[in-house]
C-alpha atoms as a PDB file:
ATOM      1  CA  UNK A   1      78.209  35.957 104.291  1.00  0.00           C
ATOM      2  CA  UNK A   2      75.346  37.646 106.084  1.00  0.00           C
ATOM      3  CA  UNK A   3      73.779  40.496 104.069  1.00  0.00           C
ATOM      4  CA  UNK A   4      71.408  43.096 105.487  1.00  0.00           C
ATOM      5  CA  UNK A   5      69.041  44.454 102.865  1.00  0.00           C
ATOM      6  CA  UNK A   6      67.529  47.864 103.739  1.00  0.00           C
ATOM      7  CA  UNK A   7      64.573  49.398 101.977  1.00  0.00           C
ATOM      8  CA  UNK A   8      61.773  51.903 102.637  1.00  0.00           C
ATOM      9  CA  UNK A   9      59.055  49.602 101.233  1.00  0.00           C
ATOM     10  CA  UNK A  10      57.623  46.576 103.060  1.00  0.00           C
ATOM     11  CA  UNK A  11      57.989  42.888 102.016  1.00  0.00           C
ATOM     12  CA  UNK A  12      56.650  40.800 100.484  1.00  0.00           C
ATOM     13  CA  UNK A  13      55.656  42.481  97.208  1.00  0.00           C
ATOM     14  CA  UNK A  14      51.993  43.296  96.738  1.00  0.00           C
ATOM     15  CA  UNK A  15      50.326  44.300  93.447  1.00  0.00           C
ATOM     16  CA  UNK A  16      52.698  46.141  91.094  1.00  0.00           C
ATOM     17  CA  UNK A  17      55.874  46.070  93.193  1.00  0.00           C
ATOM     18  CA  UNK A  18      58.541  47.104  90.674  1.00  0.00           C
ATOM     19  CA  UNK A  19      61.779  47.738  92.507  1.00  0.00           C
ATOM     20  CA  UNK A  20      60.516  45.826  95.501  1.00  0.00           C
ATOM     21  CA  UNK A  21      60.210  42.679  93.377  1.00  0.00           C
ATOM     22  CA  UNK A  22      63.850  43.035  92.314  1.00  0.00           C
ATOM     23  CA  UNK A  23      64.977  43.278  95.943  1.00  0.00           C
ATOM     24  CA  UNK A  24      62.860  40.286  96.956  1.00  0.00           C
ATOM     25  CA  UNK A  25      64.332  38.205  94.141  1.00  0.00           C
ATOM     26  CA  UNK A  26      67.874  39.290  95.027  1.00  0.00           C
ATOM     27  CA  UNK A  27      67.336  38.108  98.593  1.00  0.00           C
ATOM     28  CA  UNK A  28      66.130  34.714  97.394  1.00  0.00           C
ATOM     29  CA  UNK A  29      69.073  34.477  94.986  1.00  0.00           C
ATOM     30  CA  UNK A  30      71.568  35.200  97.700  1.00  0.00           C
ATOM     31  CA  UNK A  31      70.087  32.491  99.968  1.00  0.00           C
ATOM     32  CA  UNK A  32      70.156  30.045  97.064  1.00  0.00           C
ATOM     33  CA  UNK A  33      73.893  30.724  96.797  1.00  0.00           C
ATOM     34  CA  UNK A  34      74.384  29.798 100.488  1.00  0.00           C
ATOM     35  CA  UNK A  35      74.312  33.261 102.088  1.00  0.00           C
ATOM     36  CA  UNK A  36      72.238  34.564 104.968  1.00  0.00           C
ATOM     37  CA  UNK A  37      69.911  37.511 104.377  1.00  0.00           C
ATOM     38  CA  UNK A  38      68.141  39.800 106.792  1.00  0.00           C
ATOM     39  CA  UNK A  39      65.719  42.614 105.868  1.00  0.00           C
ATOM     40  CA  UNK A  40      65.567  46.048 107.542  1.00  0.00           C
ATOM     41  CA  UNK A  41      62.164  47.195 106.223  1.00  0.00           C
ATOM     42  CA  UNK A  42      58.978  48.937 107.465  1.00  0.00           C
ATOM     43  CA  UNK A  43      56.782  47.370 110.132  1.00  0.00           C
ATOM     44  CA  UNK A  44      54.205  44.716 109.142  1.00  0.00           C
ATOM     45  CA  UNK A  45      56.645  43.110 106.702  1.00  0.00           C
ATOM     46  CA  UNK A  46      56.924  39.329 106.580  1.00  0.00           C
ATOM     47  CA  UNK A  47      59.310  36.851 105.002  1.00  0.00           C
ATOM     48  CA  UNK A  48      59.470  33.074 105.362  1.00  0.00           C
ATOM     49  CA  UNK A  49      63.081  32.725 104.219  1.00  0.00           C
ATOM     50  CA  UNK A  50      64.865  35.654 105.904  1.00  0.00           C
ATOM     51  CA  UNK A  51      64.854  37.494 109.231  1.00  0.00           C
ATOM     52  CA  UNK A  52      62.786  40.693 109.203  1.00  0.00           C
ATOM     53  CA  UNK A  53      63.768  43.684 111.368  1.00  0.00           C
ATOM     54  CA  UNK A  54      61.353  46.646 111.592  1.00  0.00           C
ATOM     55  CA  UNK A  55      62.750  49.892 110.249  1.00  0.00           C
ATOM     56  CA  UNK A  56      62.094  52.509 112.999  1.00  0.00           C
ATOM     57  CA  UNK A  57      62.092  56.094 111.587  1.00  0.00           C
ATOM     58  CA  UNK A  58      62.598  57.388 115.141  1.00  0.00           C
ATOM     59  CA  UNK A  59      66.005  55.778 115.392  1.00  0.00           C
ATOM     60  CA  UNK A  60      69.204  56.358 113.461  1.00  0.00           C
ATOM     61  CA  UNK A  61      70.030  53.830 110.768  1.00  0.00           C
ATOM     62  CA  UNK A  62      73.380  53.148 112.434  1.00  0.00           C
ATOM     63  CA  UNK A  63      71.627  52.048 115.659  1.00  0.00           C
ATOM     64  CA  UNK A  64      69.412  49.557 113.761  1.00  0.00           C
ATOM     65  CA  UNK A  65      72.178  47.623 112.027  1.00  0.00           C
ATOM     66  CA  UNK A  66      72.736  44.356 113.904  1.00  0.00           C
ATOM     67  CA  UNK A  67      76.194  43.230 114.848  1.00  0.00           C
ATOM     68  CA  UNK A  68      75.921  39.843 113.240  1.00  0.00           C
ATOM     69  CA  UNK A  69      75.706  41.069 109.669  1.00  0.00           C
ATOM     70  CA  UNK A  70      78.764  41.243 107.424  1.00  0.00           C
ATOM     71  CA  UNK A  71      77.599  43.734 104.774  1.00  0.00           C
ATOM     72  CA  UNK A  72      74.745  46.238 104.391  1.00  0.00           C
ATOM     73  CA  UNK A  73      72.983  46.820 101.081  1.00  0.00           C
ATOM     74  CA  UNK A  74      70.830  49.923 101.009  1.00  0.00           C
ATOM     75  CA  UNK A  75      68.188  50.494  98.350  1.00  0.00           C
ATOM     76  CA  UNK A  76      67.750  54.120  99.364  1.00  0.00           C
ATOM     77  CA  UNK A  77      70.248  56.866 100.116  1.00  0.00           C
ATOM     78  CA  UNK A  78      71.110  56.711 103.814  1.00  0.00           C
ATOM     79  CA  UNK A  79      72.268  60.337 103.606  1.00  0.00           C
ATOM     80  CA  UNK A  80      75.540  62.254 103.577  1.00  0.00           C
ATOM     81  CA  UNK A  81      76.087  62.032 107.341  1.00  0.00           C
ATOM     82  CA  UNK A  82      75.565  58.258 107.592  1.00  0.00           C
ATOM     83  CA  UNK A  83      78.421  56.364 109.167  1.00  0.00           C
ATOM     84  CA  UNK A  84      78.725  52.616 109.652  1.00  0.00           C
ATOM     85  CA  UNK A  85      81.476  50.248 110.795  1.00  0.00           C
ATOM     86  CA  UNK A  86      80.169  47.574 108.471  1.00  0.00           C
ATOM     87  CA  UNK A  87      81.015  47.510 104.750  1.00  0.00           C
ATOM     88  CA  UNK A  88      78.072  48.922 102.867  1.00  0.00           C
ATOM     89  CA  UNK A  89      76.812  49.910  99.421  1.00  0.00           C
ATOM     90  CA  UNK A  90      73.726  51.444  97.878  1.00  0.00           C
ATOM     91  CA  UNK A  91      71.775  50.655  94.702  1.00  0.00           C
ATOM     92  CA  UNK A  92      70.368  53.782  93.016  1.00  0.00           C
ATOM     93  CA  UNK A  93      67.198  52.486  91.343  1.00  0.00           C
ATOM     94  CA  UNK A  94      65.884  55.762  89.910  1.00  0.00           C
ATOM     95  CA  UNK A  95      67.188  58.977  88.451  1.00  0.00           C
ATOM     96  CA  UNK A  96      68.576  61.019  91.358  1.00  0.00           C
ATOM     97  CA  UNK A  97      67.619  64.507  92.266  1.00  0.00           C
ATOM     98  CA  UNK A  98      69.742  67.295  90.769  1.00  0.00           C
ATOM     99  CA  UNK A  99      72.799  68.112  92.901  1.00  0.00           C
ATOM    100  CA  UNK A 100      72.251  65.047  95.120  1.00  0.00           C
ATOM    101  CA  UNK A 101      75.620  63.618  96.024  1.00  0.00           C
ATOM    102  CA  UNK A 102      75.343  59.834  96.166  1.00  0.00           C
ATOM    103  CA  UNK A 103      77.494  57.497  98.300  1.00  0.00           C
ATOM    104  CA  UNK A 104      80.824  56.643  96.772  1.00  0.00           C
ATOM    105  CA  UNK A 105      79.864  52.924  96.792  1.00  0.00           C
ATOM    106  CA  UNK A 106      76.765  53.407  94.663  1.00  0.00           C
ATOM    107  CA  UNK A 107      75.665  50.774  92.077  1.00  0.00           C
ATOM    108  CA  UNK A 108      73.391  51.731  89.204  1.00  0.00           C
ATOM    109  CA  UNK A 109      70.958  49.584  87.232  1.00  0.00           C
ATOM    110  CA  UNK A 110      72.218  50.061  83.705  1.00  0.00           C
ATOM    111  CA  UNK A 111      75.323  51.258  81.874  1.00  0.00           C
ATOM    112  CA  UNK A 112      73.579  54.416  80.744  1.00  0.00           C
ATOM    113  CA  UNK A 113      72.236  55.059  84.245  1.00  0.00           C
ATOM    114  CA  UNK A 114      75.786  54.776  85.657  1.00  0.00           C
ATOM    115  CA  UNK A 115      77.289  56.975  82.904  1.00  0.00           C
ATOM    116  CA  UNK A 116      74.809  59.720  83.509  1.00  0.00           C
ATOM    117  CA  UNK A 117      75.959  59.842  87.143  1.00  0.00           C
ATOM    118  CA  UNK A 118      79.717  59.799  86.318  1.00  0.00           C
ATOM    119  CA  UNK A 119      80.082  56.107  87.193  1.00  0.00           C
ATOM    120  CA  UNK A 120      80.817  52.819  85.447  1.00  0.00           C
ATOM    121  CA  UNK A 121      79.443  50.490  88.114  1.00  0.00           C
ATOM    122  CA  UNK A 122      76.095  48.932  87.366  1.00  0.00           C
ATOM    123  CA  UNK A 123      74.115  45.684  87.669  1.00  0.00           C
ATOM    124  CA  UNK A 124      71.170  45.048  85.336  1.00  0.00           C
ATOM    125  CA  UNK A 125      67.984  44.119  87.197  1.00  0.00           C
ATOM    126  CA  UNK A 126      66.878  40.558  87.014  1.00  0.00           C
ATOM    127  CA  UNK A 127      63.692  38.733  88.008  1.00  0.00           C
ATOM    128  CA  UNK A 128      62.783  35.257  89.138  1.00  0.00           C
ATOM    129  CA  UNK A 129      60.796  34.241  86.116  1.00  0.00           C
ATOM    130  CA  UNK A 130      59.364  31.124  87.851  1.00  0.00           C
ATOM    131  CA  UNK A 131      57.108  33.500  89.812  1.00  0.00           C
ATOM    132  CA  UNK A 132      55.581  34.672  86.472  1.00  0.00           C
ATOM    133  CA  UNK A 133      54.513  31.207  85.400  1.00  0.00           C
ATOM    134  CA  UNK A 134      55.099  29.773  81.898  1.00  0.00           C
ATOM    135  CA  UNK A 135      54.847  32.103  78.924  1.00  0.00           C
ATOM    136  CA  UNK A 136      52.426  30.755  76.358  1.00  0.00           C
ATOM    137  CA  UNK A 137      53.869  32.072  73.069  1.00  0.00           C
ATOM    138  CA  UNK A 138      51.079  30.452  71.010  1.00  0.00           C
ATOM    139  CA  UNK A 139      48.156  32.155  72.744  1.00  0.00           C
ATOM    140  CA  UNK A 140      45.968  34.520  70.711  1.00  0.00           C
ATOM    141  CA  UNK A 141      47.037  38.147  71.112  1.00  0.00           C
ATOM    142  CA  UNK A 142      44.294  40.722  71.426  1.00  0.00           C
ATOM    143  CA  UNK A 143      45.741  44.163  72.202  1.00  0.00           C
ATOM    144  CA  UNK A 144      48.856  46.219  72.849  1.00  0.00           C
ATOM    145  CA  UNK A 145      49.704  47.519  76.316  1.00  0.00           C
ATOM    146  CA  UNK A 146      51.328  50.298  78.338  1.00  0.00           C
ATOM    147  CA  UNK A 147      52.810  49.420  81.709  1.00  0.00           C
ATOM    148  CA  UNK A 148      54.115  52.072  84.135  1.00  0.00           C
ATOM    149  CA  UNK A 149      53.129  54.868  86.507  1.00  0.00           C
ATOM    150  CA  UNK A 150      50.926  56.776  84.131  1.00  0.00           C
ATOM    151  CA  UNK A 151      50.597  59.758  86.448  1.00  0.00           C
ATOM    152  CA  UNK A 152      54.277  60.555  85.755  1.00  0.00           C
ATOM    153  CA  UNK A 153      54.393  62.796  82.699  1.00  0.00           C
ATOM    154  CA  UNK A 154      57.824  61.423  81.732  1.00  0.00           C
ATOM    155  CA  UNK A 155      56.226  58.002  81.230  1.00  0.00           C
ATOM    156  CA  UNK A 156      54.205  59.629  78.411  1.00  0.00           C
ATOM    157  CA  UNK A 157      51.039  57.498  78.592  1.00  0.00           C
ATOM    158  CA  UNK A 158      49.392  60.080  76.357  1.00  0.00           C
ATOM    159  CA  UNK A 159      52.044  59.356  73.740  1.00  0.00           C
ATOM    160  CA  UNK A 160      51.247  55.632  74.005  1.00  0.00           C
ATOM    161  CA  UNK A 161      47.547  56.397  73.581  1.00  0.00           C
ATOM    162  CA  UNK A 162      48.267  58.582  70.524  1.00  0.00           C
ATOM    163  CA  UNK A 163      50.463  55.918  68.950  1.00  0.00           C
ATOM    164  CA  UNK A 164      47.783  53.214  69.377  1.00  0.00           C
ATOM    165  CA  UNK A 165      45.162  55.474  67.960  1.00  0.00           C
ATOM    166  CA  UNK A 166      47.247  56.337  64.926  1.00  0.00           C
ATOM    167  CA  UNK A 167      48.086  52.664  64.389  1.00  0.00           C
ATOM    168  CA  UNK A 168      44.405  51.786  64.942  1.00  0.00           C
ATOM    169  CA  UNK A 169      45.095  49.131  67.591  1.00  0.00           C
ATOM    170  CA  UNK A 170      43.435  48.590  70.998  1.00  0.00           C
ATOM    171  CA  UNK A 171      45.526  49.566  74.014  1.00  0.00           C
ATOM    172  CA  UNK A 172      45.340  48.383  77.652  1.00  0.00           C
ATOM    173  CA  UNK A 173      46.919  50.767  80.163  1.00  0.00           C
ATOM    174  CA  UNK A 174      48.282  49.200  83.380  1.00  0.00           C
ATOM    175  CA  UNK A 175      49.357  51.812  85.917  1.00  0.00           C
ATOM    176  CA  UNK A 176      46.809  54.553  85.260  1.00  0.00           C
ATOM    177  CA  UNK A 177      43.166  55.504  85.177  1.00  0.00           C
ATOM    178  CA  UNK A 178      40.973  57.105  82.597  1.00  0.00           C
ATOM    179  CA  UNK A 179      40.611  60.175  84.788  1.00  0.00           C
ATOM    180  CA  UNK A 180      43.893  61.479  86.227  1.00  0.00           C
ATOM    181  CA  UNK A 181      44.060  64.471  88.575  1.00  0.00           C
ATOM    182  CA  UNK A 182      47.442  63.807  90.167  1.00  0.00           C
ATOM    183  CA  UNK A 183      49.564  65.769  87.628  1.00  0.00           C
ATOM    184  CA  UNK A 184      47.032  68.061  86.091  1.00  0.00           C
ATOM    185  CA  UNK A 185      43.688  67.113  84.512  1.00  0.00           C
ATOM    186  CA  UNK A 186      43.633  64.299  81.973  1.00  0.00           C
ATOM    187  CA  UNK A 187      40.557  62.378  80.849  1.00  0.00           C
ATOM    188  CA  UNK A 188      40.876  59.921  78.040  1.00  0.00           C
ATOM    189  CA  UNK A 189      37.751  59.746  75.930  1.00  0.00           C
ATOM    190  CA  UNK A 190      38.839  57.210  73.374  1.00  0.00           C
ATOM    191  CA  UNK A 191      37.037  53.834  73.660  1.00  0.00           C
ATOM    192  CA  UNK A 192      39.960  51.962  72.049  1.00  0.00           C
ATOM    193  CA  UNK A 193      41.870  52.425  75.343  1.00  0.00           C
ATOM    194  CA  UNK A 194      41.087  50.348  78.420  1.00  0.00           C
ATOM    195  CA  UNK A 195      42.444  51.375  81.853  1.00  0.00           C
ATOM    196  CA  UNK A 196      43.155  48.747  84.527  1.00  0.00           C
ATOM    197  CA  UNK A 197      44.745  50.966  87.132  1.00  0.00           C
ATOM    198  CA  UNK A 198      47.752  49.846  89.192  1.00  0.00           C
ATOM    199  CA  UNK A 199      47.598  46.045  88.916  1.00  0.00           C
ATOM    200  CA  UNK A 200      49.862  43.128  89.608  1.00  0.00           C
ATOM    201  CA  UNK A 201      49.771  39.336  89.901  1.00  0.00           C
ATOM    202  CA  UNK A 202      47.427  37.345  87.736  1.00  0.00           C
ATOM    203  CA  UNK A 203      45.724  40.362  86.171  1.00  0.00           C
ATOM    204  CA  UNK A 204      49.036  41.813  85.005  1.00  0.00           C
ATOM    205  CA  UNK A 205      50.366  38.439  83.829  1.00  0.00           C
ATOM    206  CA  UNK A 206      47.174  37.635  81.963  1.00  0.00           C
ATOM    207  CA  UNK A 207      47.139  41.065  80.242  1.00  0.00           C
ATOM    208  CA  UNK A 208      50.778  40.673  79.200  1.00  0.00           C
ATOM    209  CA  UNK A 209      50.120  37.095  78.025  1.00  0.00           C
ATOM    210  CA  UNK A 210      47.418  38.416  75.619  1.00  0.00           C
ATOM    211  CA  UNK A 211      49.386  41.418  74.356  1.00  0.00           C
ATOM    212  CA  UNK A 212      50.909  41.953  70.925  1.00  0.00           C
ATOM    213  CA  UNK A 213      53.454  44.393  72.249  1.00  0.00           C
ATOM    214  CA  UNK A 214      54.477  47.141  74.693  1.00  0.00           C
ATOM    215  CA  UNK A 215      54.052  50.758  73.567  1.00  0.00           C
ATOM    216  CA  UNK A 216      56.499  52.688  75.806  1.00  0.00           C
ATOM    217  CA  UNK A 217      57.360  56.208  74.478  1.00  0.00           C
ATOM    218  CA  UNK A 218      58.995  57.524  77.629  1.00  0.00           C
ATOM    219  CA  UNK A 219      60.353  61.059  77.725  1.00  0.00           C
ATOM    220  CA  UNK A 220      63.114  60.631  80.182  1.00  0.00           C
ATOM    221  CA  UNK A 221      66.280  58.602  80.496  1.00  0.00           C
ATOM    222  CA  UNK A 222      64.777  55.326  81.689  1.00  0.00           C
ATOM    223  CA  UNK A 223      67.086  54.007  84.458  1.00  0.00           C
ATOM    224  CA  UNK A 224      66.294  50.396  83.565  1.00  0.00           C
ATOM    225  CA  UNK A 225      62.754  49.436  82.501  1.00  0.00           C
ATOM    226  CA  UNK A 226      61.206  46.535  84.425  1.00  0.00           C
ATOM    227  CA  UNK A 227      58.065  46.917  82.334  1.00  0.00           C
ATOM    228  CA  UNK A 228      60.232  46.153  79.312  1.00  0.00           C
ATOM    229  CA  UNK A 229      61.715  42.885  80.538  1.00  0.00           C
ATOM    230  CA  UNK A 230      58.351  41.714  81.920  1.00  0.00           C
ATOM    231  CA  UNK A 231      56.844  42.320  78.489  1.00  0.00           C
ATOM    232  CA  UNK A 232      59.681  40.562  76.725  1.00  0.00           C
ATOM    233  CA  UNK A 233      59.218  37.568  78.983  1.00  0.00           C
ATOM    234  CA  UNK A 234      55.669  37.100  77.652  1.00  0.00           C
ATOM    235  CA  UNK A 235      56.883  37.388  74.064  1.00  0.00           C
ATOM    236  CA  UNK A 236      55.937  41.005  73.512  1.00  0.00           C
ATOM    237  CA  UNK A 237      58.046  43.181  71.235  1.00  0.00           C
ATOM    238  CA  UNK A 238      58.827  46.709  72.443  1.00  0.00           C
ATOM    239  CA  UNK A 239      57.894  49.916  70.626  1.00  0.00           C
ATOM    240  CA  UNK A 240      59.689  52.690  72.526  1.00  0.00           C
ATOM    241  CA  UNK A 241      61.793  55.777  72.517  1.00  0.00           C
ATOM    242  CA  UNK A 242      65.587  55.372  72.486  1.00  0.00           C
ATOM    243  CA  UNK A 243      66.239  56.938  75.888  1.00  0.00           C
ATOM    244  CA  UNK A 244      68.268  55.842  78.882  1.00  0.00           C
ATOM    245  CA  UNK A 245      68.762  52.088  79.280  1.00  0.00           C
ATOM    246  CA  UNK A 246      66.244  51.062  76.608  1.00  0.00           C
ATOM    247  CA  UNK A 247      68.864  50.507  73.846  1.00  0.00           C
ATOM    248  CA  UNK A 248      70.714  48.162  76.209  1.00  0.00           C
ATOM    249  CA  UNK A 249      67.586  46.089  76.850  1.00  0.00           C
ATOM    250  CA  UNK A 250      65.730  46.177  73.533  1.00  0.00           C
ATOM    251  CA  UNK A 251      67.628  44.582  70.638  1.00  0.00           C
ATOM    252  CA  UNK A 252      66.723  45.070  66.979  1.00  0.00           C
ATOM    253  CA  UNK A 253      65.300  41.519  67.032  1.00  0.00           C
ATOM    254  CA  UNK A 254      62.946  42.398  69.867  1.00  0.00           C
ATOM    255  CA  UNK A 255      61.570  45.835  69.100  1.00  0.00           C
ATOM    256  CA  UNK A 256      61.720  49.207  67.371  1.00  0.00           C
ATOM    257  CA  UNK A 257      62.769  52.626  68.727  1.00  0.00           C
ATOM    258  CA  UNK A 258      61.894  56.138  67.673  1.00  0.00           C
ATOM    259  CA  UNK A 259      60.937  59.428  69.293  1.00  0.00           C
ATOM    260  CA  UNK A 260      58.419  60.048  66.475  1.00  0.00           C
ATOM    261  CA  UNK A 261      54.779  59.033  66.874  1.00  0.00           C
ATOM    262  CA  UNK A 262      54.338  58.303  63.173  1.00  0.00           C
ATOM    263  CA  UNK A 263      57.368  56.024  63.002  1.00  0.00           C
ATOM    264  CA  UNK A 264      56.338  54.002  66.048  1.00  0.00           C
ATOM    265  CA  UNK A 265      52.778  53.592  64.804  1.00  0.00           C
ATOM    266  CA  UNK A 266      54.001  52.527  61.309  1.00  0.00           C
ATOM    267  CA  UNK A 267      56.336  49.982  62.932  1.00  0.00           C
ATOM    268  CA  UNK A 268      53.380  48.485  64.837  1.00  0.00           C
ATOM    269  CA  UNK A 269      51.477  48.166  61.598  1.00  0.00           C
ATOM    270  CA  UNK A 270      54.226  46.760  59.420  1.00  0.00           C
ATOM    271  CA  UNK A 271      56.892  45.037  61.487  1.00  0.00           C
ATOM    272  CA  UNK A 272      56.798  41.493  62.884  1.00  0.00           C
ATOM    273  CA  UNK A 273      58.977  40.067  65.689  1.00  0.00           C
ATOM    274  CA  UNK A 274      59.645  36.586  66.904  1.00  0.00           C
ATOM    275  CA  UNK A 275      57.926  35.977  70.261  1.00  0.00           C
ATOM    276  CA  UNK A 276      60.470  33.305  71.224  1.00  0.00           C
ATOM    277  CA  UNK A 277      63.358  35.698  70.646  1.00  0.00           C
ATOM    278  CA  UNK A 278      61.712  38.280  72.910  1.00  0.00           C
ATOM    279  CA  UNK A 279      61.095  35.690  75.592  1.00  0.00           C
ATOM    280  CA  UNK A 280      64.624  34.224  75.452  1.00  0.00           C
ATOM    281  CA  UNK A 281      66.181  37.648  75.780  1.00  0.00           C
ATOM    282  CA  UNK A 282      64.431  38.247  79.044  1.00  0.00           C
ATOM    283  CA  UNK A 283      65.127  34.755  80.401  1.00  0.00           C
ATOM    284  CA  UNK A 284      68.786  34.618  79.465  1.00  0.00           C
ATOM    285  CA  UNK A 285      69.916  38.230  80.167  1.00  0.00           C
ATOM    286  CA  UNK A 286      67.636  39.576  82.872  1.00  0.00           C
ATOM    287  CA  UNK A 287      67.201  36.803  85.374  1.00  0.00           C
ATOM    288  CA  UNK A 288      67.590  36.910  89.156  1.00  0.00           C
ATOM    289  CA  UNK A 289      70.495  34.442  89.285  1.00  0.00           C
ATOM    290  CA  UNK A 290      72.638  36.504  86.923  1.00  0.00           C
ATOM    291  CA  UNK A 291      71.788  39.668  88.886  1.00  0.00           C
ATOM    292  CA  UNK A 292      72.749  37.857  92.152  1.00  0.00           C
ATOM    293  CA  UNK A 293      76.142  36.730  90.803  1.00  0.00           C
ATOM    294  CA  UNK A 294      76.969  40.219  89.644  1.00  0.00           C
ATOM    295  CA  UNK A 295      76.089  41.678  93.037  1.00  0.00           C
ATOM    296  CA  UNK A 296      78.210  39.059  94.742  1.00  0.00           C
ATOM    297  CA  UNK A 297      81.200  40.159  92.699  1.00  0.00           C
ATOM    298  CA  UNK A 298      80.631  43.736  93.907  1.00  0.00           C
ATOM    299  CA  UNK A 299      80.061  42.539  97.508  1.00  0.00           C
ATOM    300  CA  UNK A 300      83.505  40.903  97.389  1.00  0.00           C
ATOM    301  CA  UNK A 301      85.029  44.227  96.398  1.00  0.00           C
ATOM    302  CA  UNK A 302      83.195  46.065  99.176  1.00  0.00           C
ATOM    303  CA  UNK A 303      84.203  43.451 101.737  1.00  0.00           C
ATOM    304  CA  UNK A 304      87.858  43.995 100.798  1.00  0.00           C
ATOM    305  CA  UNK A 305      87.219  47.731 101.462  1.00  0.00           C
ATOM    306  CA  UNK A 306      87.604  48.647  97.802  1.00  0.00           C
ATOM    307  CA  UNK A 307      85.952  51.891  96.702  1.00  0.00           C
ATOM    308  CA  UNK A 308      83.871  51.179  93.580  1.00  0.00           C
ATOM    309  CA  UNK A 309      83.650  54.740  92.243  1.00  0.00           C
ATOM    310  CA  UNK A 310      86.413  57.274  91.853  1.00  0.00           C
ATOM    311  CA  UNK A 311      84.244  59.994  93.390  1.00  0.00           C
ATOM    312  CA  UNK A 312      80.734  60.253  94.878  1.00  0.00           C
ATOM    313  CA  UNK A 313      78.376  59.964  91.868  1.00  0.00           C
ATOM    314  CA  UNK A 314      76.153  62.892  90.937  1.00  0.00           C
ATOM    315  CA  UNK A 315      73.772  63.319  88.047  1.00  0.00           C
ATOM    316  CA  UNK A 316      75.569  64.921  85.127  1.00  0.00           C
ATOM    317  CA  UNK A 317      72.723  66.635  83.277  1.00  0.00           C
ATOM    318  CA  UNK A 318      69.647  68.640  84.356  1.00  0.00           C
ATOM    319  CA  UNK A 319      66.231  67.023  84.390  1.00  0.00           C
ATOM    320  CA  UNK A 320      64.164  67.801  81.304  1.00  0.00           C
ATOM    321  CA  UNK A 321      61.477  65.974  79.316  1.00  0.00           C
ATOM    322  CA  UNK A 322      63.088  64.531  76.199  1.00  0.00           C
ATOM    323  CA  UNK A 323      61.855  65.124  72.606  1.00  0.00           C
ATOM    324  CA  UNK A 324      58.605  63.506  71.416  1.00  0.00           C
ATOM    325  CA  UNK A 325      57.412  64.344  67.922  1.00  0.00           C
ATOM    326  CA  UNK A 326      53.781  63.937  67.087  1.00  0.00           C
END
């Protein structure tokens, strides 16, 4: 089967590359299973293992889909007027906009994510852990960390800072800066917090390798949580709120959940988790091969012209920041 993967971000992945890393690893997984992959992505993209076609915003999507592909997999919404003679589907990676009607063949990235859009069709994200290098579970751990787009208020980096301060532990923030002007003024004075900005590659891996755990008190329904599985891979337990997909990803053996600052900080001070159990959960349940096999099952349904949702999915509840008690 020849699959065309369409995305608005270039390949390969540079720096942080959250969703883009998932798409890249899916493409490699499909090729490993004997399929052909092409990318339809922005100009200046490169790939050594798949054909790359430049996505031209001046042309319609329909006119850019080559005849030799069997199935098209979008990673953005092609829009309500999009028509295509090829079987196609879309993965919704984030929380959709209110009242946005999604394509009927939409796949979500967690059970909770699907349920909140009136669907039951989902595939958990998986990563190629070989690209992360070996996890040294015996290395000395020096700090806790936050990983995510700190400028987004729903990610609640301030909550992570407050938890670390109350627990009296050092915190490294990946994905934000000490001075933030993007979503209102925020300047973090505390010296126990170190900001690395938006980082990836060796800097991110080294920081995760030296971390005692992820502090992740998000205030929205997390669609999946790549930061969570990356942290688990390096043996880091998760201290987070119980929102969205997080209860699906974080077991009792691998972390603690609460929407209360005091309870999370007390858990950090008093609870111990097995690094090997955290690592194994990521490796066994959230790997690229398993993700690829699950998508291939859905591809087969799409190729047989089956409709995978009963109706076009739409978000079931209004957007609002979820409770966080200090």
